């Protein structure tokens, strides 16, 4: 995975068919910048820049398996009772959907990002030998309440 630089930003722009604002470029490159009123409000490119930064800031997988993990990564910052409001807001699902779309577009264009994991991996259970169907204990550790009398077994 490439570190964020001006060349990578140009590749991202081409892959997504967009042109970043200057403040987005500075944000992605961690350069100092002044806040501008054009950066506030909705539909100003903050989430886009934040998603791009998330995809390149670490080589560790980006975990978006549940609402708590999505909230931890999303740019939901607008209120004091952040978690309570965010977990009830459709923004988190929208954010996950947007991130997934950008992730897929960049990877299809050959731009390698960090891995994104959207759901829990299936847990594989090994079969266990079970003698009691009530308490799941076996002959050696059977319980008194529900297991049959192992010594008088037929």
N, C-alpha and C. Protein backbone atom coordinates (compact mmCIF):
# COMPACT_ATOMS: atom_id res chain seq x y z
N UNK A 1 0.84 -1.18 0.00
CA UNK A 1 0.00 0.00 0.00
C UNK A 1 0.88 1.24 0.00
N UNK A 2 0.55 2.14 -0.89
CA UNK A 2 1.31 3.38 -1.04
C UNK A 2 0.98 4.37 0.08
N UNK A 3 1.98 5.13 0.51
CA UNK A 3 1.74 6.22 1.45
C UNK A 3 1.13 7.39 0.69
N UNK A 4 0.33 8.19 1.39
CA UNK A 4 -0.32 9.32 0.74
C UNK A 4 0.73 10.33 0.27
N UNK A 5 0.64 10.71 -1.00
CA UNK A 5 1.52 11.72 -1.57
C UNK A 5 0.77 12.36 -2.74
N UNK A 6 1.36 13.39 -3.35
CA UNK A 6 0.68 14.12 -4.42
C UNK A 6 0.38 13.23 -5.63
N UNK A 7 1.29 12.33 -5.94
CA UNK A 7 1.08 11.44 -7.07
C UNK A 7 -0.10 10.49 -6.81
N UNK A 8 -0.16 9.97 -5.60
CA UNK A 8 -1.28 9.09 -5.24
C UNK A 8 -2.60 9.85 -5.28
N UNK A 9 -2.60 11.08 -4.83
CA UNK A 9 -3.83 11.89 -4.88
C UNK A 9 -4.29 12.05 -6.33
N UNK A 10 -3.37 12.27 -7.24
CA UNK A 10 -3.73 12.37 -8.66
C UNK A 10 -4.31 11.06 -9.18
N UNK A 11 -3.73 9.93 -8.77
CA UNK A 11 -4.26 8.63 -9.18
C UNK A 11 -5.68 8.42 -8.64
N UNK A 12 -5.89 8.83 -7.40
CA UNK A 12 -7.22 8.68 -6.77
C UNK A 12 -8.24 9.54 -7.52
N UNK A 13 -7.85 10.78 -7.83
CA UNK A 13 -8.75 11.66 -8.58
C UNK A 13 -9.15 11.04 -9.91
N UNK A 14 -8.18 10.47 -10.59
CA UNK A 14 -8.46 9.85 -11.89
C UNK A 14 -9.37 8.62 -11.73
N UNK A 15 -9.08 7.78 -10.72
CA UNK A 15 -9.87 6.57 -10.50
C UNK A 15 -11.32 6.90 -10.14
N UNK A 16 -11.52 7.94 -9.34
CA UNK A 16 -12.86 8.30 -8.90
C UNK A 16 -13.52 9.35 -9.81
N UNK A 17 -12.76 9.82 -10.81
CA UNK A 17 -13.25 10.85 -11.73
C UNK A 17 -13.73 12.09 -10.98
N UNK A 18 -12.85 12.58 -10.09
CA UNK A 18 -13.15 13.77 -9.29
C UNK A 18 -11.94 14.69 -9.29
N UNK A 19 -12.10 15.86 -8.73
CA UNK A 19 -10.99 16.80 -8.52
C UNK A 19 -11.11 17.29 -7.08
N UNK A 20 -10.09 17.02 -6.26
CA UNK A 20 -10.12 17.45 -4.87
C UNK A 20 -9.98 18.96 -4.76
N UNK A 21 -10.61 19.52 -3.74
CA UNK A 21 -10.37 20.92 -3.37
C UNK A 21 -8.98 21.00 -2.77
N UNK A 22 -8.41 22.18 -2.75
CA UNK A 22 -7.07 22.37 -2.18
C UNK A 22 -7.04 21.97 -0.70
N UNK A 23 -8.09 22.32 0.04
CA UNK A 23 -8.10 21.96 1.46
C UNK A 23 -8.15 20.44 1.64
N UNK A 24 -8.81 19.71 0.73
CA UNK A 24 -8.84 18.25 0.82
C UNK A 24 -7.45 17.68 0.59
N UNK A 25 -6.74 18.24 -0.38
CA UNK A 25 -5.37 17.80 -0.64
C UNK A 25 -4.49 18.00 0.60
N UNK A 26 -4.61 19.16 1.20
CA UNK A 26 -3.81 19.45 2.40
C UNK A 26 -4.18 18.51 3.54
N UNK A 27 -5.46 18.26 3.70
CA UNK A 27 -5.93 17.34 4.74
C UNK A 27 -5.34 15.95 4.52
N UNK A 28 -5.40 15.47 3.28
CA UNK A 28 -4.88 14.13 2.96
C UNK A 28 -3.37 14.04 3.17
N UNK A 29 -2.68 15.14 2.94
CA UNK A 29 -1.21 15.17 3.08
C UNK A 29 -0.77 15.60 4.48
N UNK A 30 -1.73 15.83 5.37
CA UNK A 30 -1.45 16.30 6.74
C UNK A 30 -0.69 17.62 6.76
N UNK A 31 -1.02 18.49 5.82
CA UNK A 31 -0.40 19.81 5.78
C UNK A 31 -1.25 20.80 6.58
N UNK A 32 -0.61 21.80 7.12
CA UNK A 32 -1.33 22.83 7.88
C UNK A 32 -2.26 23.59 6.95
N UNK A 33 -3.43 23.95 7.47
CA UNK A 33 -4.37 24.73 6.67
C UNK A 33 -5.28 25.52 7.60
N UNK A 34 -5.82 26.59 7.07
CA UNK A 34 -6.79 27.40 7.80
C UNK A 34 -8.18 26.87 7.53
N UNK A 35 -9.01 26.87 8.55
CA UNK A 35 -10.40 26.47 8.34
C UNK A 35 -11.12 27.54 7.55
N UNK A 36 -12.00 27.12 6.71
CA UNK A 36 -12.71 28.01 5.82
C UNK A 36 -14.20 27.69 5.92
N UNK A 37 -15.06 28.67 5.86
CA UNK A 37 -16.50 28.44 5.96
C UNK A 37 -16.99 27.50 4.86
N UNK A 38 -16.30 27.40 3.74
CA UNK A 38 -16.73 26.50 2.67
C UNK A 38 -16.56 25.04 3.06
N UNK A 39 -15.82 24.79 4.15
CA UNK A 39 -15.60 23.41 4.59
C UNK A 39 -16.67 22.95 5.56
N UNK A 40 -17.59 23.84 5.95
CA UNK A 40 -18.62 23.46 6.91
C UNK A 40 -19.91 23.15 6.17
N UNK A 41 -20.81 22.51 6.86
CA UNK A 41 -22.10 22.19 6.26
C UNK A 41 -22.05 20.85 5.53
N UNK A 42 -23.14 20.57 4.84
CA UNK A 42 -23.28 19.30 4.14
C UNK A 42 -22.81 19.42 2.70
N UNK A 43 -22.44 18.28 2.14
CA UNK A 43 -22.04 18.18 0.72
C UNK A 43 -20.86 19.07 0.37
N UNK A 44 -19.87 19.09 1.26
CA UNK A 44 -18.69 19.91 1.01
C UNK A 44 -17.42 19.09 0.79
N UNK A 45 -17.54 17.76 0.87
CA UNK A 45 -16.39 16.90 0.60
C UNK A 45 -15.64 16.44 1.83
N UNK A 46 -16.15 16.76 3.03
CA UNK A 46 -15.45 16.34 4.25
C UNK A 46 -15.42 14.82 4.39
N UNK A 47 -16.57 14.18 4.17
CA UNK A 47 -16.63 12.72 4.32
C UNK A 47 -15.79 12.02 3.27
N UNK A 48 -15.82 12.51 2.05
CA UNK A 48 -14.99 11.94 0.99
C UNK A 48 -13.51 11.97 1.39
N UNK A 49 -13.04 13.12 1.83
CA UNK A 49 -11.64 13.25 2.23
C UNK A 49 -11.34 12.35 3.43
N UNK A 50 -12.27 12.29 4.35
CA UNK A 50 -12.08 11.45 5.54
C UNK A 50 -11.99 9.97 5.16
N UNK A 51 -12.84 9.53 4.25
CA UNK A 51 -12.82 8.13 3.80
C UNK A 51 -11.50 7.81 3.11
N UNK A 52 -11.07 8.68 2.22
CA UNK A 52 -9.79 8.46 1.53
C UNK A 52 -8.67 8.35 2.55
N UNK A 53 -8.67 9.25 3.53
CA UNK A 53 -7.62 9.22 4.55
C UNK A 53 -7.68 7.90 5.33
N UNK A 54 -8.89 7.44 5.69
CA UNK A 54 -9.05 6.18 6.41
C UNK A 54 -8.46 5.01 5.62
N UNK A 55 -8.65 5.02 4.31
CA UNK A 55 -8.20 3.90 3.48
C UNK A 55 -6.68 3.82 3.33
N UNK A 56 -5.98 4.93 3.63
CA UNK A 56 -4.52 4.94 3.42
C UNK A 56 -3.70 5.24 4.67
N UNK A 57 -4.34 5.47 5.81
CA UNK A 57 -3.56 5.91 6.97
C UNK A 57 -2.88 4.78 7.73
N UNK A 58 -3.22 3.54 7.46
CA UNK A 58 -2.63 2.42 8.19
C UNK A 58 -2.63 1.18 7.30
N UNK A 59 -1.75 0.25 7.63
CA UNK A 59 -1.76 -1.02 6.89
C UNK A 59 -2.65 -2.05 7.59
N UNK A 60 -3.07 -1.75 8.81
CA UNK A 60 -3.98 -2.64 9.55
C UNK A 60 -5.35 -2.63 8.89
N UNK A 61 -6.06 -3.76 8.91
CA UNK A 61 -7.41 -3.78 8.32
C UNK A 61 -8.33 -2.76 8.99
N UNK A 62 -9.20 -2.18 8.21
CA UNK A 62 -10.21 -1.24 8.71
C UNK A 62 -11.45 -2.06 9.04
N UNK A 63 -11.82 -2.08 10.31
CA UNK A 63 -12.92 -2.92 10.76
C UNK A 63 -14.22 -2.12 10.81
N UNK A 64 -15.19 -2.56 10.03
CA UNK A 64 -16.51 -1.92 9.98
C UNK A 64 -17.58 -2.99 10.13
N UNK A 65 -17.44 -3.84 11.14
CA UNK A 65 -18.33 -5.00 11.28
C UNK A 65 -19.61 -4.70 12.04
N UNK A 66 -19.62 -3.62 12.82
CA UNK A 66 -20.82 -3.28 13.58
C UNK A 66 -20.88 -1.76 13.76
N UNK A 67 -21.98 -1.28 14.31
CA UNK A 67 -22.16 0.18 14.42
C UNK A 67 -21.12 0.85 15.30
N UNK A 68 -20.67 0.18 16.36
CA UNK A 68 -19.64 0.78 17.22
C UNK A 68 -18.33 0.98 16.46
N UNK A 69 -17.94 0.00 15.67
CA UNK A 69 -16.70 0.12 14.88
C UNK A 69 -16.84 1.18 13.80
N UNK A 70 -18.02 1.24 13.18
CA UNK A 70 -18.24 2.26 12.15
C UNK A 70 -18.18 3.64 12.78
N UNK A 71 -18.83 3.82 13.92
CA UNK A 71 -18.82 5.11 14.62
C UNK A 71 -17.40 5.52 14.99
N UNK A 72 -16.61 4.55 15.40
CA UNK A 72 -15.22 4.83 15.77
C UNK A 72 -14.42 5.38 14.59
N UNK A 73 -14.75 4.96 13.38
CA UNK A 73 -14.01 5.37 12.19
C UNK A 73 -14.66 6.53 11.45
N UNK A 74 -15.97 6.67 11.57
CA UNK A 74 -16.69 7.69 10.81
C UNK A 74 -16.37 9.09 11.32
N UNK A 75 -16.75 10.08 10.53
CA UNK A 75 -16.49 11.47 10.90
C UNK A 75 -17.71 12.13 11.55
N UNK A 76 -18.43 11.38 12.35
CA UNK A 76 -19.61 11.90 13.06
C UNK A 76 -19.09 12.65 14.28
N UNK A 77 -19.16 13.97 14.26
CA UNK A 77 -18.54 14.78 15.29
C UNK A 77 -19.46 15.86 15.83
N UNK A 78 -20.69 15.88 15.36
CA UNK A 78 -21.49 17.09 15.48
C UNK A 78 -22.23 17.31 16.79
N UNK A 79 -22.16 16.44 17.75
CA UNK A 79 -22.92 16.70 18.96
C UNK A 79 -22.25 16.12 20.19
N UNK A 80 -22.64 16.63 21.35
CA UNK A 80 -22.04 16.19 22.60
C UNK A 80 -22.43 14.75 22.94
N UNK A 81 -23.67 14.38 22.64
CA UNK A 81 -24.11 13.02 22.92
C UNK A 81 -23.90 12.18 21.66
N UNK A 82 -22.70 12.23 21.18
CA UNK A 82 -22.29 11.66 19.90
C UNK A 82 -22.72 10.22 19.71
N UNK A 83 -22.35 9.35 20.62
CA UNK A 83 -22.61 7.92 20.42
C UNK A 83 -24.10 7.62 20.44
N UNK A 84 -24.81 8.16 21.40
CA UNK A 84 -26.24 7.89 21.51
C UNK A 84 -26.98 8.31 20.24
N UNK A 85 -26.70 9.50 19.74
CA UNK A 85 -27.38 9.99 18.53
C UNK A 85 -26.91 9.25 17.29
N UNK A 86 -25.62 9.00 17.19
CA UNK A 86 -25.08 8.38 15.98
C UNK A 86 -25.58 6.95 15.80
N UNK A 87 -25.69 6.21 16.89
CA UNK A 87 -26.11 4.83 16.77
C UNK A 87 -27.56 4.70 16.32
N UNK A 88 -28.33 5.77 16.49
CA UNK A 88 -29.73 5.75 16.04
C UNK A 88 -29.90 6.44 14.69
N UNK A 89 -28.82 6.95 14.12
CA UNK A 89 -28.90 7.73 12.90
C UNK A 89 -28.50 6.88 11.69
N UNK A 90 -29.18 7.05 10.57
CA UNK A 90 -28.82 6.26 9.38
C UNK A 90 -27.47 6.63 8.76
N UNK A 91 -26.83 7.68 9.28
CA UNK A 91 -25.55 8.12 8.73
C UNK A 91 -24.50 7.01 8.74
N UNK A 92 -24.48 6.19 9.79
CA UNK A 92 -23.45 5.17 9.89
C UNK A 92 -23.55 4.15 8.76
N UNK A 93 -24.75 3.73 8.42
CA UNK A 93 -24.92 2.80 7.30
C UNK A 93 -24.56 3.48 5.99
N UNK A 94 -24.93 4.75 5.86
CA UNK A 94 -24.58 5.51 4.65
C UNK A 94 -23.06 5.61 4.53
N UNK A 95 -22.38 5.93 5.64
CA UNK A 95 -20.93 6.06 5.65
C UNK A 95 -20.27 4.75 5.22
N UNK A 96 -20.74 3.64 5.79
CA UNK A 96 -20.20 2.32 5.44
C UNK A 96 -20.40 2.05 3.95
N UNK A 97 -21.58 2.38 3.43
CA UNK A 97 -21.88 2.18 2.01
C UNK A 97 -20.96 3.03 1.12
N UNK A 98 -20.77 4.29 1.50
CA UNK A 98 -19.88 5.18 0.73
C UNK A 98 -18.44 4.69 0.76
N UNK A 99 -17.98 4.31 1.93
CA UNK A 99 -16.61 3.81 2.06
C UNK A 99 -16.42 2.56 1.21
N UNK A 100 -17.39 1.67 1.25
CA UNK A 100 -17.29 0.43 0.48
C UNK A 100 -17.21 0.73 -1.02
N UNK A 101 -18.03 1.67 -1.50
CA UNK A 101 -18.01 2.04 -2.91
C UNK A 101 -16.66 2.62 -3.34
N UNK A 102 -16.12 3.51 -2.53
CA UNK A 102 -14.82 4.13 -2.84
C UNK A 102 -13.72 3.08 -2.78
N UNK A 103 -13.76 2.24 -1.77
CA UNK A 103 -12.78 1.16 -1.61
C UNK A 103 -12.77 0.27 -2.86
N UNK A 104 -13.94 -0.13 -3.31
CA UNK A 104 -14.04 -1.01 -4.48
C UNK A 104 -13.57 -0.31 -5.75
N UNK A 105 -13.95 0.96 -5.94
CA UNK A 105 -13.52 1.70 -7.13
C UNK A 105 -12.00 1.84 -7.18
N UNK A 106 -11.40 2.17 -6.05
CA UNK A 106 -9.94 2.34 -6.01
C UNK A 106 -9.23 1.02 -6.28
N UNK A 107 -9.69 -0.04 -5.67
CA UNK A 107 -9.05 -1.34 -5.87
C UNK A 107 -9.25 -1.85 -7.30
N UNK A 108 -10.41 -1.59 -7.90
CA UNK A 108 -10.63 -1.97 -9.30
C UNK A 108 -9.70 -1.19 -10.23
N UNK A 109 -9.35 0.03 -9.84
CA UNK A 109 -8.44 0.84 -10.64
C UNK A 109 -6.97 0.49 -10.38
N UNK A 110 -6.73 -0.50 -9.52
CA UNK A 110 -5.36 -0.92 -9.25
C UNK A 110 -4.69 -0.15 -8.14
N UNK A 111 -5.44 0.67 -7.42
CA UNK A 111 -4.88 1.43 -6.30
C UNK A 111 -5.13 0.62 -5.04
N UNK A 112 -4.06 0.11 -4.47
CA UNK A 112 -4.18 -0.77 -3.32
C UNK A 112 -4.37 0.07 -2.06
N UNK A 113 -5.43 -0.25 -1.32
CA UNK A 113 -5.72 0.41 -0.06
C UNK A 113 -5.58 -0.63 1.06
N UNK A 114 -5.80 -0.19 2.27
CA UNK A 114 -5.83 -1.16 3.35
C UNK A 114 -7.07 -2.03 3.21
N UNK A 115 -7.02 -3.22 3.76
CA UNK A 115 -8.16 -4.12 3.70
C UNK A 115 -9.30 -3.58 4.56
N UNK A 116 -10.52 -3.75 4.08
CA UNK A 116 -11.70 -3.34 4.85
C UNK A 116 -12.52 -4.59 5.14
N UNK A 117 -12.84 -4.79 6.40
CA UNK A 117 -13.64 -5.96 6.80
C UNK A 117 -15.01 -5.46 7.23
N UNK A 118 -16.03 -5.90 6.50
CA UNK A 118 -17.39 -5.41 6.72
C UNK A 118 -18.24 -6.27 7.63
N UNK A 119 -17.91 -7.55 7.75
CA UNK A 119 -18.73 -8.40 8.62
C UNK A 119 -17.84 -9.40 9.33
N UNK A 120 -18.39 -9.94 10.40
CA UNK A 120 -17.65 -10.92 11.20
C UNK A 120 -17.31 -12.13 10.34
N UNK A 121 -16.13 -12.62 10.53
CA UNK A 121 -15.76 -13.87 9.85
C UNK A 121 -16.58 -14.99 10.47
N UNK A 122 -16.96 -15.93 9.67
CA UNK A 122 -17.73 -17.07 10.19
C UNK A 122 -16.87 -17.84 11.19
N UNK A 123 -17.42 -18.11 12.33
CA UNK A 123 -16.70 -18.86 13.35
C UNK A 123 -16.92 -20.34 13.08
N UNK A 124 -15.83 -21.06 12.96
CA UNK A 124 -15.93 -22.49 12.70
C UNK A 124 -15.90 -23.22 14.04
N UNK A 125 -16.92 -24.01 14.26
CA UNK A 125 -17.00 -24.79 15.47
C UNK A 125 -16.56 -26.22 15.17
N UNK A 126 -15.68 -26.71 16.01
CA UNK A 126 -15.26 -28.10 15.88
C UNK A 126 -16.33 -28.97 16.53
N UNK A 127 -16.67 -30.09 15.93
CA UNK A 127 -17.66 -30.95 16.57
C UNK A 127 -17.11 -31.50 17.88
N UNK A 128 -17.97 -31.53 18.88
CA UNK A 128 -17.54 -32.07 20.16
C UNK A 128 -18.32 -33.35 20.44
N UNK A 129 -17.68 -34.24 21.15
CA UNK A 129 -18.36 -35.48 21.52
C UNK A 129 -19.20 -35.18 22.75
N UNK A 130 -20.50 -35.41 22.63
CA UNK A 130 -21.42 -35.03 23.67
C UNK A 130 -22.28 -36.23 24.05
N UNK A 131 -22.36 -36.53 25.32
CA UNK A 131 -23.15 -37.67 25.77
C UNK A 131 -24.51 -37.25 26.32
N UNK A 132 -24.60 -36.05 26.84
CA UNK A 132 -25.86 -35.58 27.40
C UNK A 132 -26.42 -34.49 26.49
N UNK A 133 -27.63 -34.63 26.04
CA UNK A 133 -28.22 -33.64 25.14
C UNK A 133 -28.81 -32.46 25.88
N UNK A 134 -28.85 -32.52 27.20
CA UNK A 134 -29.42 -31.43 27.98
C UNK A 134 -28.34 -30.45 28.42
N UNK A 135 -27.27 -30.95 28.98
CA UNK A 135 -26.27 -30.04 29.55
C UNK A 135 -24.96 -30.03 28.78
N UNK A 136 -24.81 -30.75 27.72
CA UNK A 136 -23.62 -30.84 26.87
C UNK A 136 -22.37 -31.38 27.59
N UNK A 137 -22.57 -32.08 28.66
CA UNK A 137 -21.42 -32.69 29.34
C UNK A 137 -21.21 -34.10 28.83
N UNK A 138 -20.01 -34.61 29.01
CA UNK A 138 -19.73 -35.98 28.57
C UNK A 138 -19.70 -36.92 29.78
N UNK A 139 -19.44 -38.17 29.53
CA UNK A 139 -19.52 -39.19 30.58
C UNK A 139 -18.60 -38.88 31.76
N UNK A 140 -17.43 -38.36 31.49
CA UNK A 140 -16.46 -38.11 32.56
C UNK A 140 -16.88 -36.94 33.46
N UNK A 141 -17.63 -36.01 32.93
CA UNK A 141 -17.99 -34.84 33.74
C UNK A 141 -19.50 -34.62 33.75
N UNK A 142 -20.25 -35.68 33.77
CA UNK A 142 -21.71 -35.56 33.70
C UNK A 142 -22.28 -34.90 34.94
N UNK A 143 -23.41 -34.26 34.75
CA UNK A 143 -24.06 -33.60 35.87
C UNK A 143 -25.09 -34.53 36.49
N UNK A 144 -25.43 -34.26 37.70
CA UNK A 144 -26.35 -35.12 38.44
C UNK A 144 -27.80 -34.85 38.04
N UNK A 145 -28.11 -33.62 37.68
CA UNK A 145 -29.49 -33.24 37.45
C UNK A 145 -30.09 -33.80 36.17
N UNK A 146 -29.34 -33.90 35.12
CA UNK A 146 -29.98 -34.29 33.87
C UNK A 146 -29.35 -35.48 33.16
N UNK A 147 -28.19 -35.89 33.53
CA UNK A 147 -27.53 -36.99 32.84
C UNK A 147 -28.00 -38.34 33.39
N UNK A 148 -27.97 -39.33 32.52
CA UNK A 148 -28.38 -40.66 32.99
C UNK A 148 -27.31 -41.27 33.89
N UNK A 149 -27.67 -42.28 34.48
CA UNK A 149 -26.76 -42.99 35.38
C UNK A 149 -25.77 -43.78 34.51
N UNK A 150 -24.56 -43.25 34.37
CA UNK A 150 -23.58 -43.85 33.46
C UNK A 150 -23.15 -45.25 33.89
N UNK A 151 -23.18 -45.49 35.16
CA UNK A 151 -22.73 -46.81 35.64
C UNK A 151 -23.74 -47.91 35.30
N UNK A 152 -25.01 -47.56 35.18
CA UNK A 152 -26.04 -48.54 34.86
C UNK A 152 -26.46 -48.45 33.39
N UNK A 153 -25.58 -47.98 32.60
CA UNK A 153 -25.85 -47.77 31.17
C UNK A 153 -26.13 -49.10 30.47
N UNK A 154 -27.10 -49.13 29.61
CA UNK A 154 -27.43 -50.37 28.90
C UNK A 154 -26.68 -50.48 27.60
